[in-house]
């Protein structure tokens, strides 16, 4: 089969347009997510001390901008698993847990009645888990240290987790929300 240069150019253009479309779609989904949850992230920052930028970036990353099954079915925006002490609702899906034979198995994740519960539980999970206590010595505007601290504390298994959060924060200028006062939030 011979592919003509013209056909090859058409295929390359189609691929590029498709790639560009997906990229802008993701950016659009990001702004939609931010607009929906920024006030909640800011309120949680003032309640818990966790930077709004970190909360938003984690929510965007862990929930695929609110589109994952975990977010849409279980209202879990942060990928928080059940843990042995969890007494609330649950949702099972395959993630990164393997059985004794090395087969991927369904993991237990926390489920919530709505996204607000997910955001509040995320803050409480970090604030009251001994793994993350050192993070609260960091200033709430130091998103870079928070991102690295989350990774070092074991929040995610992805070795590039901190860099992914930082990239999301910087791509969407999420750190602007870390500087909004409680008074400003009331007038926001």
N, C-alpha and C. Protein backbone atom coordinates (compact mmCIF):
# COMPACT_ATOMS: atom_id res chain seq x y z
N UNK A 1 0.84 -1.17 0.00
CA UNK A 1 0.00 0.00 0.00
C UNK A 1 0.88 1.24 0.00
N UNK A 2 0.59 2.09 -0.93
CA UNK A 2 1.32 3.35 -0.97
C UNK A 2 0.42 4.45 -0.47
N UNK A 3 0.95 5.21 0.45
CA UNK A 3 0.20 6.35 0.98
C UNK A 3 0.76 7.59 0.31
N UNK A 4 -0.11 8.33 -0.28
CA UNK A 4 0.35 9.55 -0.93
C UNK A 4 0.67 10.61 0.12
N UNK A 5 1.47 11.56 -0.25
CA UNK A 5 1.84 12.63 0.66
C UNK A 5 0.60 13.41 1.07
N UNK A 6 -0.32 13.60 0.15
CA UNK A 6 -1.53 14.35 0.46
C UNK A 6 -2.37 13.61 1.52
N UNK A 7 -2.51 12.30 1.38
CA UNK A 7 -3.26 11.51 2.34
C UNK A 7 -2.55 11.53 3.70
N UNK A 8 -1.24 11.43 3.68
CA UNK A 8 -0.46 11.47 4.90
C UNK A 8 -0.65 12.81 5.62
N UNK A 9 -0.65 13.92 4.87
CA UNK A 9 -0.87 15.24 5.46
C UNK A 9 -2.26 15.35 6.08
N UNK A 10 -3.25 14.80 5.39
CA UNK A 10 -4.62 14.82 5.92
C UNK A 10 -4.69 14.06 7.24
N UNK A 11 -4.04 12.90 7.30
CA UNK A 11 -4.03 12.10 8.52
C UNK A 11 -3.33 12.83 9.66
N UNK A 12 -2.19 13.43 9.37
CA UNK A 12 -1.45 14.18 10.40
C UNK A 12 -2.29 15.34 10.92
N UNK A 13 -2.94 16.07 10.00
CA UNK A 13 -3.79 17.20 10.42
C UNK A 13 -4.95 16.72 11.28
N UNK A 14 -5.55 15.61 10.91
CA UNK A 14 -6.66 15.08 11.68
C UNK A 14 -6.22 14.70 13.09
N UNK A 15 -5.04 14.10 13.19
CA UNK A 15 -4.51 13.72 14.50
C UNK A 15 -4.22 14.96 15.33
N UNK A 16 -3.60 15.97 14.72
CA UNK A 16 -3.29 17.20 15.44
C UNK A 16 -4.55 17.92 15.91
N UNK A 17 -5.55 18.00 15.06
CA UNK A 17 -6.81 18.65 15.44
C UNK A 17 -7.46 17.87 16.58
N UNK A 18 -7.43 16.55 16.49
CA UNK A 18 -8.01 15.73 17.55
C UNK A 18 -7.27 15.94 18.86
N UNK A 19 -5.93 15.97 18.81
CA UNK A 19 -5.13 16.19 20.02
C UNK A 19 -5.40 17.57 20.60
N UNK A 20 -5.42 18.57 19.75
CA UNK A 20 -5.68 19.94 20.20
C UNK A 20 -7.06 20.04 20.82
N UNK A 21 -8.03 19.39 20.22
CA UNK A 21 -9.39 19.41 20.76
C UNK A 21 -9.46 18.78 22.13
N UNK A 22 -8.76 17.67 22.33
CA UNK A 22 -8.76 17.03 23.64
C UNK A 22 -8.08 17.90 24.68
N UNK A 23 -7.02 18.58 24.30
CA UNK A 23 -6.30 19.42 25.24
C UNK A 23 -7.16 20.60 25.69
N UNK A 24 -7.82 21.27 24.75
CA UNK A 24 -8.65 22.40 25.13
C UNK A 24 -9.90 21.94 25.88
N UNK A 25 -10.37 20.76 25.57
CA UNK A 25 -11.51 20.22 26.29
C UNK A 25 -11.14 20.01 27.76
N UNK A 26 -9.95 19.46 28.01
CA UNK A 26 -9.49 19.27 29.37
C UNK A 26 -9.37 20.61 30.08
N UNK A 27 -8.83 21.61 29.41
CA UNK A 27 -8.68 22.94 30.00
C UNK A 27 -10.06 23.50 30.36
N UNK A 28 -11.01 23.32 29.47
CA UNK A 28 -12.37 23.77 29.71
C UNK A 28 -12.99 23.05 30.90
N UNK A 29 -12.77 21.73 30.95
CA UNK A 29 -13.28 20.95 32.08
C UNK A 29 -12.65 21.43 33.38
N UNK A 30 -11.39 21.81 33.32
CA UNK A 30 -10.70 22.32 34.50
C UNK A 30 -11.34 23.58 35.02
N UNK A 31 -11.63 24.52 34.12
CA UNK A 31 -12.25 25.77 34.55
C UNK A 31 -13.67 25.54 35.07
N UNK A 32 -14.38 24.61 34.48
CA UNK A 32 -15.72 24.27 34.97
C UNK A 32 -15.62 23.73 36.39
N UNK A 33 -14.66 22.83 36.61
CA UNK A 33 -14.46 22.25 37.94
C UNK A 33 -14.11 23.36 38.95
N UNK A 34 -13.18 24.21 38.58
CA UNK A 34 -12.75 25.29 39.47
C UNK A 34 -13.92 26.18 39.85
N UNK A 35 -14.71 26.58 38.87
CA UNK A 35 -15.85 27.46 39.14
C UNK A 35 -16.86 26.80 40.08
N UNK A 36 -17.00 25.49 39.97
CA UNK A 36 -17.96 24.80 40.82
C UNK A 36 -17.47 24.63 42.26
N UNK A 37 -16.15 24.44 42.44
CA UNK A 37 -15.65 24.05 43.76
C UNK A 37 -14.70 25.04 44.44
N UNK A 38 -14.38 26.15 43.80
CA UNK A 38 -13.38 27.07 44.39
C UNK A 38 -13.84 27.64 45.73
N UNK A 39 -15.08 28.03 45.86
CA UNK A 39 -15.55 28.60 47.12
C UNK A 39 -15.51 27.57 48.25
N UNK A 40 -15.85 26.34 47.93
CA UNK A 40 -15.79 25.27 48.93
C UNK A 40 -14.34 25.01 49.34
N UNK A 41 -13.43 25.00 48.38
CA UNK A 41 -12.00 24.79 48.68
C UNK A 41 -11.46 25.93 49.54
N UNK A 42 -11.87 27.14 49.27
CA UNK A 42 -11.42 28.30 50.06
C UNK A 42 -11.98 28.21 51.48
N UNK A 43 -13.26 27.89 51.60
CA UNK A 43 -13.87 27.74 52.93
C UNK A 43 -13.17 26.65 53.73
N UNK A 44 -12.87 25.54 53.08
CA UNK A 44 -12.16 24.45 53.75
C UNK A 44 -10.75 24.86 54.14
N UNK A 45 -10.11 25.71 53.34
CA UNK A 45 -8.78 26.21 53.67
C UNK A 45 -8.84 26.97 55.00
N UNK A 46 -9.85 27.81 55.14
CA UNK A 46 -9.97 28.61 56.36
C UNK A 46 -10.37 27.75 57.56
N UNK A 47 -11.09 26.68 57.31
CA UNK A 47 -11.48 25.78 58.40
C UNK A 47 -10.35 24.87 58.82
N UNK A 48 -9.58 24.37 57.84
CA UNK A 48 -8.62 23.31 58.14
C UNK A 48 -7.15 23.71 58.03
N UNK A 49 -6.85 24.74 57.24
CA UNK A 49 -5.47 25.12 57.02
C UNK A 49 -4.85 24.52 55.77
N UNK A 50 -5.59 23.74 55.02
CA UNK A 50 -5.08 23.13 53.79
C UNK A 50 -5.25 24.13 52.65
N UNK A 51 -4.19 24.40 51.89
CA UNK A 51 -4.30 25.37 50.80
C UNK A 51 -5.43 25.03 49.84
N UNK A 52 -6.21 26.03 49.48
CA UNK A 52 -7.29 25.83 48.50
C UNK A 52 -6.72 25.30 47.19
N UNK A 53 -5.54 25.76 46.81
CA UNK A 53 -4.92 25.31 45.56
C UNK A 53 -4.65 23.82 45.59
N UNK A 54 -4.18 23.32 46.71
CA UNK A 54 -3.89 21.89 46.85
C UNK A 54 -5.19 21.09 46.79
N UNK A 55 -6.20 21.55 47.51
CA UNK A 55 -7.49 20.85 47.51
C UNK A 55 -8.07 20.80 46.10
N UNK A 56 -8.07 21.92 45.41
CA UNK A 56 -8.60 21.94 44.04
C UNK A 56 -7.77 21.06 43.10
N UNK A 57 -6.45 21.17 43.18
CA UNK A 57 -5.60 20.36 42.30
C UNK A 57 -5.79 18.88 42.55
N UNK A 58 -5.87 18.49 43.82
CA UNK A 58 -6.11 17.08 44.13
C UNK A 58 -7.48 16.64 43.62
N UNK A 59 -8.48 17.45 43.83
CA UNK A 59 -9.81 17.11 43.34
C UNK A 59 -9.84 16.97 41.83
N UNK A 60 -9.19 17.88 41.14
CA UNK A 60 -9.16 17.84 39.68
C UNK A 60 -8.42 16.60 39.20
N UNK A 61 -7.27 16.33 39.80
CA UNK A 61 -6.45 15.19 39.38
C UNK A 61 -7.13 13.86 39.74
N UNK A 62 -7.53 13.72 40.98
CA UNK A 62 -8.06 12.44 41.46
C UNK A 62 -9.41 12.09 40.83
N UNK A 63 -10.19 13.10 40.45
CA UNK A 63 -11.54 12.84 39.93
C UNK A 63 -11.64 13.02 38.42
N UNK A 64 -10.50 13.25 37.76
CA UNK A 64 -10.52 13.53 36.32
C UNK A 64 -11.48 14.70 36.04
N UNK A 65 -11.26 15.78 36.77
CA UNK A 65 -12.04 17.01 36.63
C UNK A 65 -13.52 16.79 36.93
N UNK A 66 -13.79 15.88 37.86
CA UNK A 66 -15.16 15.59 38.27
C UNK A 66 -15.87 14.57 37.41
N UNK A 67 -15.17 13.98 36.43
CA UNK A 67 -15.81 13.08 35.47
C UNK A 67 -15.61 11.60 35.77
N UNK A 68 -14.78 11.24 36.74
CA UNK A 68 -14.53 9.82 37.02
C UNK A 68 -15.77 9.18 37.64
N UNK A 69 -15.84 7.84 37.53
CA UNK A 69 -16.94 7.12 38.18
C UNK A 69 -16.92 7.33 39.68
N UNK A 70 -15.74 7.39 40.25
CA UNK A 70 -15.63 7.60 41.69
C UNK A 70 -16.27 8.93 42.09
N UNK A 71 -16.09 9.95 41.26
CA UNK A 71 -16.68 11.27 41.56
C UNK A 71 -18.17 11.31 41.21
N UNK A 72 -18.54 10.76 40.07
CA UNK A 72 -19.93 10.89 39.62
C UNK A 72 -20.88 9.93 40.34
N UNK A 73 -20.39 8.76 40.72
CA UNK A 73 -21.25 7.77 41.38
C UNK A 73 -21.14 7.86 42.90
N UNK A 74 -19.90 7.99 43.41
CA UNK A 74 -19.67 7.96 44.85
C UNK A 74 -19.41 9.34 45.45
N UNK A 75 -19.39 10.38 44.62
CA UNK A 75 -19.09 11.75 45.07
C UNK A 75 -17.73 11.85 45.78
N UNK A 76 -16.81 10.94 45.46
CA UNK A 76 -15.48 10.93 46.06
C UNK A 76 -14.53 11.62 45.08
N UNK A 77 -14.15 12.84 45.39
CA UNK A 77 -13.29 13.63 44.50
C UNK A 77 -11.81 13.45 44.78
N UNK A 78 -11.45 12.73 45.85
CA UNK A 78 -10.05 12.69 46.27
C UNK A 78 -9.46 11.29 46.31
N UNK A 79 -10.19 10.29 45.87
CA UNK A 79 -9.65 8.94 45.83
C UNK A 79 -9.35 8.37 47.21
N UNK A 80 -10.09 8.81 48.21
CA UNK A 80 -9.82 8.33 49.57
C UNK A 80 -10.45 6.95 49.75
N UNK A 81 -9.60 6.00 50.12
CA UNK A 81 -10.05 4.63 50.34
C UNK A 81 -10.69 4.51 51.72
N UNK A 82 -11.38 3.40 51.93
CA UNK A 82 -12.16 3.21 53.14
C UNK A 82 -11.35 3.25 54.43
N UNK A 83 -10.25 2.56 54.50
CA UNK A 83 -9.48 2.35 55.74
C UNK A 83 -10.33 1.51 56.70
N UNK A 84 -9.69 0.86 57.63
CA UNK A 84 -10.39 -0.07 58.52
C UNK A 84 -11.40 0.62 59.43
N UNK A 85 -11.20 1.88 59.73
CA UNK A 85 -12.08 2.59 60.66
C UNK A 85 -13.26 3.27 59.99
N UNK A 86 -13.35 3.25 58.66
CA UNK A 86 -14.42 3.93 57.95
C UNK A 86 -15.76 3.24 58.20
N UNK A 87 -16.74 4.00 58.64
CA UNK A 87 -18.07 3.46 58.95
C UNK A 87 -19.14 3.97 57.99
N UNK A 88 -18.75 4.80 57.03
CA UNK A 88 -19.72 5.39 56.11
C UNK A 88 -19.99 4.52 54.89
N UNK A 89 -20.59 5.13 53.90
CA UNK A 89 -20.93 4.46 52.65
C UNK A 89 -19.67 4.07 51.90
N UNK A 90 -19.78 3.04 51.06
CA UNK A 90 -18.62 2.56 50.31
C UNK A 90 -18.95 2.39 48.83
N UNK A 91 -17.90 2.37 48.05
CA UNK A 91 -17.99 2.14 46.61
C UNK A 91 -16.76 1.34 46.21
N UNK A 92 -16.95 0.28 45.45
CA UNK A 92 -15.83 -0.57 45.04
C UNK A 92 -15.53 -0.41 43.55
N UNK A 93 -14.24 -0.22 43.26
CA UNK A 93 -13.80 -0.25 41.87
C UNK A 93 -12.31 -0.55 41.83
N UNK A 94 -11.85 -1.01 40.67
CA UNK A 94 -10.44 -1.39 40.50
C UNK A 94 -9.57 -0.15 40.47
N UNK A 95 -8.48 -0.22 41.25
CA UNK A 95 -7.57 0.91 41.36
C UNK A 95 -6.13 0.41 41.29
N UNK A 96 -5.52 0.17 42.44
CA UNK A 96 -4.12 -0.27 42.45
C UNK A 96 -3.87 -1.34 43.51
N UNK A 97 -4.90 -2.05 43.90
CA UNK A 97 -4.76 -3.14 44.87
C UNK A 97 -4.79 -4.48 44.16
N UNK A 98 -3.90 -5.38 44.59
CA UNK A 98 -3.79 -6.70 43.98
C UNK A 98 -4.06 -7.78 45.02
N UNK A 99 -4.66 -8.89 44.56
CA UNK A 99 -4.89 -10.00 45.46
C UNK A 99 -3.60 -10.82 45.61
N UNK A 100 -3.65 -11.90 46.37
CA UNK A 100 -2.44 -12.69 46.66
C UNK A 100 -1.87 -13.35 45.41
N UNK A 101 -2.67 -13.44 44.34
CA UNK A 101 -2.19 -14.02 43.09
C UNK A 101 -1.68 -12.97 42.10
N UNK A 102 -1.68 -11.73 42.54
CA UNK A 102 -1.18 -10.66 41.67
C UNK A 102 -2.21 -10.10 40.71
N UNK A 103 -3.49 -10.44 40.92
CA UNK A 103 -4.55 -9.93 40.06
C UNK A 103 -5.11 -8.63 40.62
N UNK A 104 -5.37 -7.68 39.74
CA UNK A 104 -5.98 -6.43 40.15
C UNK A 104 -7.36 -6.71 40.72
N UNK A 105 -7.64 -6.16 41.88
CA UNK A 105 -8.93 -6.41 42.51
C UNK A 105 -9.61 -5.08 42.83
N UNK A 106 -10.89 -5.16 43.11
CA UNK A 106 -11.64 -3.95 43.45
C UNK A 106 -11.21 -3.46 44.83
N UNK A 107 -11.06 -2.17 44.93
CA UNK A 107 -10.69 -1.52 46.19
C UNK A 107 -11.92 -0.84 46.78
N UNK A 108 -11.92 -0.73 48.09
CA UNK A 108 -13.01 -0.06 48.79
C UNK A 108 -12.69 1.43 48.90
N UNK A 109 -13.59 2.25 48.39
CA UNK A 109 -13.46 3.70 48.47
C UNK A 109 -14.62 4.27 49.27
N UNK A 110 -14.37 5.39 49.90
CA UNK A 110 -15.42 6.08 50.63
C UNK A 110 -16.42 6.67 49.63
N UNK A 111 -17.68 6.64 50.01
CA UNK A 111 -18.74 7.23 49.20
C UNK A 111 -19.46 8.27 50.05
N UNK A 112 -19.96 9.29 49.37
CA UNK A 112 -20.57 10.43 50.07
C UNK A 112 -21.92 10.76 49.43
N UNK A 113 -22.75 11.45 50.20
CA UNK A 113 -24.05 11.89 49.68
C UNK A 113 -23.90 12.99 48.64
N UNK A 114 -22.86 13.81 48.79
CA UNK A 114 -22.63 14.89 47.83
C UNK A 114 -21.16 15.30 47.86
N UNK A 115 -20.80 16.19 46.98
CA UNK A 115 -19.41 16.64 46.86
C UNK A 115 -18.95 17.41 48.09
N UNK A 116 -19.85 18.13 48.74
CA UNK A 116 -19.49 18.89 49.93
C UNK A 116 -18.95 17.94 51.00
N UNK A 117 -19.62 16.81 51.21
CA UNK A 117 -19.14 15.82 52.18
C UNK A 117 -17.75 15.32 51.81
N UNK A 118 -17.50 15.14 50.52
CA UNK A 118 -16.19 14.68 50.06
C UNK A 118 -15.11 15.70 50.40
N UNK A 119 -15.38 16.97 50.15
CA UNK A 119 -14.41 18.02 50.45
C UNK A 119 -14.14 18.11 51.96
N UNK A 120 -15.19 18.05 52.77
CA UNK A 120 -15.02 18.12 54.22
C UNK A 120 -14.24 16.91 54.73
N UNK A 121 -14.58 15.72 54.23
CA UNK A 121 -13.87 14.52 54.68
C UNK A 121 -12.41 14.55 54.23
N UNK A 122 -12.13 15.09 53.06
CA UNK A 122 -10.73 15.22 52.60
C UNK A 122 -9.95 16.07 53.59
N UNK A 123 -10.50 17.21 53.99
CA UNK A 123 -9.82 18.07 54.96
C UNK A 123 -9.63 17.34 56.28
N UNK A 124 -10.66 16.68 56.75
CA UNK A 124 -10.57 15.96 58.02
C UNK A 124 -9.58 14.81 57.94
N UNK A 125 -9.59 14.11 56.82
CA UNK A 125 -8.67 12.99 56.60
C UNK A 125 -7.22 13.46 56.74
N UNK A 126 -6.89 14.57 56.11
CA UNK A 126 -5.52 15.10 56.20
C UNK A 126 -5.24 15.66 57.59
N UNK A 127 -6.18 16.41 58.12
CA UNK A 127 -5.98 17.11 59.40
C UNK A 127 -5.83 16.15 60.58
N UNK A 128 -6.56 15.04 60.55
CA UNK A 128 -6.58 14.16 61.71
C UNK A 128 -5.86 12.83 61.50
N UNK A 129 -5.17 12.66 60.37
CA UNK A 129 -4.36 11.46 60.16
C UNK A 129 -2.91 11.76 60.53
N UNK A 130 -2.32 10.90 61.30
CA UNK A 130 -0.95 11.13 61.77
C UNK A 130 0.04 11.23 60.62
N UNK A 131 -0.24 10.62 59.49
CA UNK A 131 0.67 10.68 58.33
C UNK A 131 0.89 12.11 57.85
N UNK A 132 -0.08 12.96 58.03
CA UNK A 132 -0.05 14.29 57.41
C UNK A 132 0.17 15.43 58.40
N UNK A 133 0.40 15.12 59.68
CA UNK A 133 0.50 16.16 60.70
C UNK A 133 1.60 17.17 60.39
N UNK A 134 2.70 16.75 59.80
CA UNK A 134 3.80 17.68 59.51
C UNK A 134 3.42 18.72 58.46
N UNK A 135 2.45 18.41 57.62
CA UNK A 135 2.03 19.36 56.59
C UNK A 135 1.48 20.65 57.20
N UNK A 136 0.90 20.54 58.38
CA UNK A 136 0.25 21.69 58.99
C UNK A 136 1.25 22.66 59.63
N UNK A 137 2.53 22.32 59.55
CA UNK A 137 3.59 23.26 59.93
C UNK A 137 3.95 24.17 58.76
N UNK A 138 3.47 23.82 57.57
CA UNK A 138 3.73 24.60 56.36
C UNK A 138 2.70 25.72 56.23
N UNK A 139 3.11 26.82 55.64
CA UNK A 139 2.18 27.92 55.42
C UNK A 139 1.19 27.53 54.33
N UNK A 140 -0.03 28.00 54.44
CA UNK A 140 -1.07 27.63 53.47
C UNK A 140 -0.84 28.25 52.08
N UNK A 141 0.13 29.12 51.93
CA UNK A 141 0.43 29.64 50.59
C UNK A 141 1.60 28.91 49.94
N UNK A 142 2.19 27.95 50.63
CA UNK A 142 3.34 27.21 50.10
C UNK A 142 2.87 25.91 49.45
N UNK A 143 2.20 26.04 48.31
CA UNK A 143 1.63 24.88 47.64
C UNK A 143 2.70 23.89 47.18
N UNK A 144 3.88 24.35 46.86
CA UNK A 144 4.95 23.45 46.39
C UNK A 144 5.36 22.51 47.53
N UNK A 145 5.58 23.06 48.71
CA UNK A 145 5.93 22.22 49.86
C UNK A 145 4.79 21.27 50.23
N UNK A 146 3.56 21.77 50.15
CA UNK A 146 2.40 20.91 50.43
C UNK A 146 2.32 19.75 49.43
N UNK A 147 2.52 20.02 48.16
CA UNK A 147 2.45 18.96 47.14
C UNK A 147 3.51 17.89 47.41
N UNK A 148 4.74 18.31 47.68
CA UNK A 148 5.81 17.35 47.97
C UNK A 148 5.54 16.63 49.29
N UNK A 149 5.02 17.35 50.27
CA UNK A 149 4.70 16.74 51.56
C UNK A 149 3.62 15.68 51.45
N UNK A 150 2.61 15.92 50.62
CA UNK A 150 1.57 14.90 50.41
C UNK A 150 2.17 13.63 49.84
N UNK A 151 3.03 13.79 48.86
CA UNK A 151 3.67 12.62 48.24
C UNK A 151 4.54 11.89 49.26
N UNK A 152 5.36 12.64 49.98
CA UNK A 152 6.26 12.03 50.98
C UNK A 152 5.49 11.36 52.11
N UNK A 153 4.30 11.86 52.40
CA UNK A 153 3.50 11.31 53.49
C UNK A 153 2.70 10.09 53.07
N UNK A 154 2.74 9.76 51.78
CA UNK A 154 2.09 8.55 51.31
C UNK A 154 0.69 8.72 50.76
N UNK A 155 0.30 9.94 50.39
CA UNK A 155 -1.06 10.13 49.87
C UNK A 155 -1.29 9.33 48.59
N UNK A 156 -0.29 9.28 47.73
CA UNK A 156 -0.44 8.60 46.44
C UNK A 156 0.79 7.75 46.14
N UNK A 157 0.58 6.72 45.33
CA UNK A 157 1.70 5.85 44.95
C UNK A 157 2.44 6.36 43.73
N UNK A 158 1.86 7.25 42.98
CA UNK A 158 2.48 7.80 41.78
C UNK A 158 3.74 8.58 42.15
N UNK A 159 4.90 8.19 41.63
CA UNK A 159 6.14 8.90 41.99
C UNK A 159 6.16 10.36 41.52
N UNK A 160 5.32 10.71 40.56
CA UNK A 160 5.25 12.07 40.02
C UNK A 160 4.06 12.86 40.56
N UNK A 161 3.46 12.39 41.65
CA UNK A 161 2.25 13.00 42.17
C UNK A 161 2.43 14.48 42.49
N UNK A 162 3.50 14.83 43.18
CA UNK A 162 3.73 16.23 43.56
C UNK A 162 3.85 17.11 42.33
N UNK A 163 4.61 16.66 41.35
CA UNK A 163 4.80 17.45 40.13
C UNK A 163 3.49 17.62 39.37
N UNK A 164 2.65 16.61 39.38
CA UNK A 164 1.34 16.71 38.71
C UNK A 164 0.46 17.75 39.39
N UNK A 165 0.44 17.74 40.72
CA UNK A 165 -0.35 18.74 41.44
C UNK A 165 0.18 20.15 41.17
N UNK A 166 1.49 20.31 41.22
CA UNK A 166 2.10 21.62 40.98
C UNK A 166 1.78 22.11 39.57
N UNK A 167 1.83 21.22 38.59
CA UNK A 167 1.53 21.60 37.21
C UNK A 167 0.08 22.07 37.08
N UNK A 168 -0.85 21.36 37.72
CA UNK A 168 -2.26 21.77 37.68
C UNK A 168 -2.42 23.14 38.34
N UNK A 169 -1.81 23.31 39.50
CA UNK A 169 -1.92 24.59 40.22
C UNK A 169 -1.40 25.73 39.35
N UNK A 170 -0.26 25.52 38.72
CA UNK A 170 0.34 26.60 37.93
C UNK A 170 -0.37 26.80 36.60
N UNK A 171 -0.86 25.73 35.99
CA UNK A 171 -1.60 25.88 34.72
C UNK A 171 -2.90 26.67 34.91
N UNK A 172 -3.53 26.52 36.06
CA UNK A 172 -4.81 27.18 36.32
C UNK A 172 -4.70 28.34 37.30
N UNK A 173 -3.48 28.68 37.72
CA UNK A 173 -3.26 29.77 38.67
C UNK A 173 -4.10 29.58 39.93
N UNK A 174 -4.14 28.36 40.43
CA UNK A 174 -4.97 28.05 41.60
C UNK A 174 -4.44 28.68 42.88
N UNK A 175 -3.16 29.01 42.91
CA UNK A 175 -2.60 29.60 44.13
C UNK A 175 -3.20 30.97 44.44
N UNK A 176 -3.89 31.58 43.48
CA UNK A 176 -4.59 32.84 43.77
C UNK A 176 -5.63 32.66 44.87
N UNK A 177 -6.21 31.45 44.97
CA UNK A 177 -7.25 31.19 45.96
C UNK A 177 -6.67 31.02 47.36
N UNK A 178 -5.36 30.76 47.46
CA UNK A 178 -4.73 30.61 48.77
C UNK A 178 -4.63 31.93 49.51
N UNK A 179 -4.81 33.03 48.80
CA UNK A 179 -4.64 34.36 49.40
C UNK A 179 -5.98 35.06 49.67
N UNK A 180 -7.09 34.36 49.50
CA UNK A 180 -8.40 34.97 49.73
C UNK A 180 -8.76 34.84 51.21
N UNK A 181 -9.01 35.96 51.83
CA UNK A 181 -9.34 35.98 53.26
C UNK A 181 -10.78 35.51 53.48
N UNK A 182 -11.08 35.19 54.74
CA UNK A 182 -12.45 34.78 55.08
C UNK A 182 -13.43 35.91 54.78
N UNK A 183 -13.02 37.14 55.08
CA UNK A 183 -13.90 38.28 54.82
C UNK A 183 -14.14 38.44 53.32
N UNK A 184 -13.08 38.31 52.54
CA UNK A 184 -13.23 38.42 51.08
C UNK A 184 -14.11 37.31 50.53
N UNK A 185 -14.02 36.13 51.13
CA UNK A 185 -14.84 35.00 50.69
C UNK A 185 -16.32 35.32 50.87
N UNK A 186 -16.66 35.98 51.96
CA UNK A 186 -18.06 36.34 52.19
C UNK A 186 -18.58 37.29 51.09
N UNK A 187 -17.69 38.10 50.56
CA UNK A 187 -18.07 39.06 49.52
C UNK A 187 -17.73 38.56 48.11
N UNK A 188 -17.26 37.35 48.01
CA UNK A 188 -16.77 36.79 46.75
C UNK A 188 -17.90 36.58 45.77
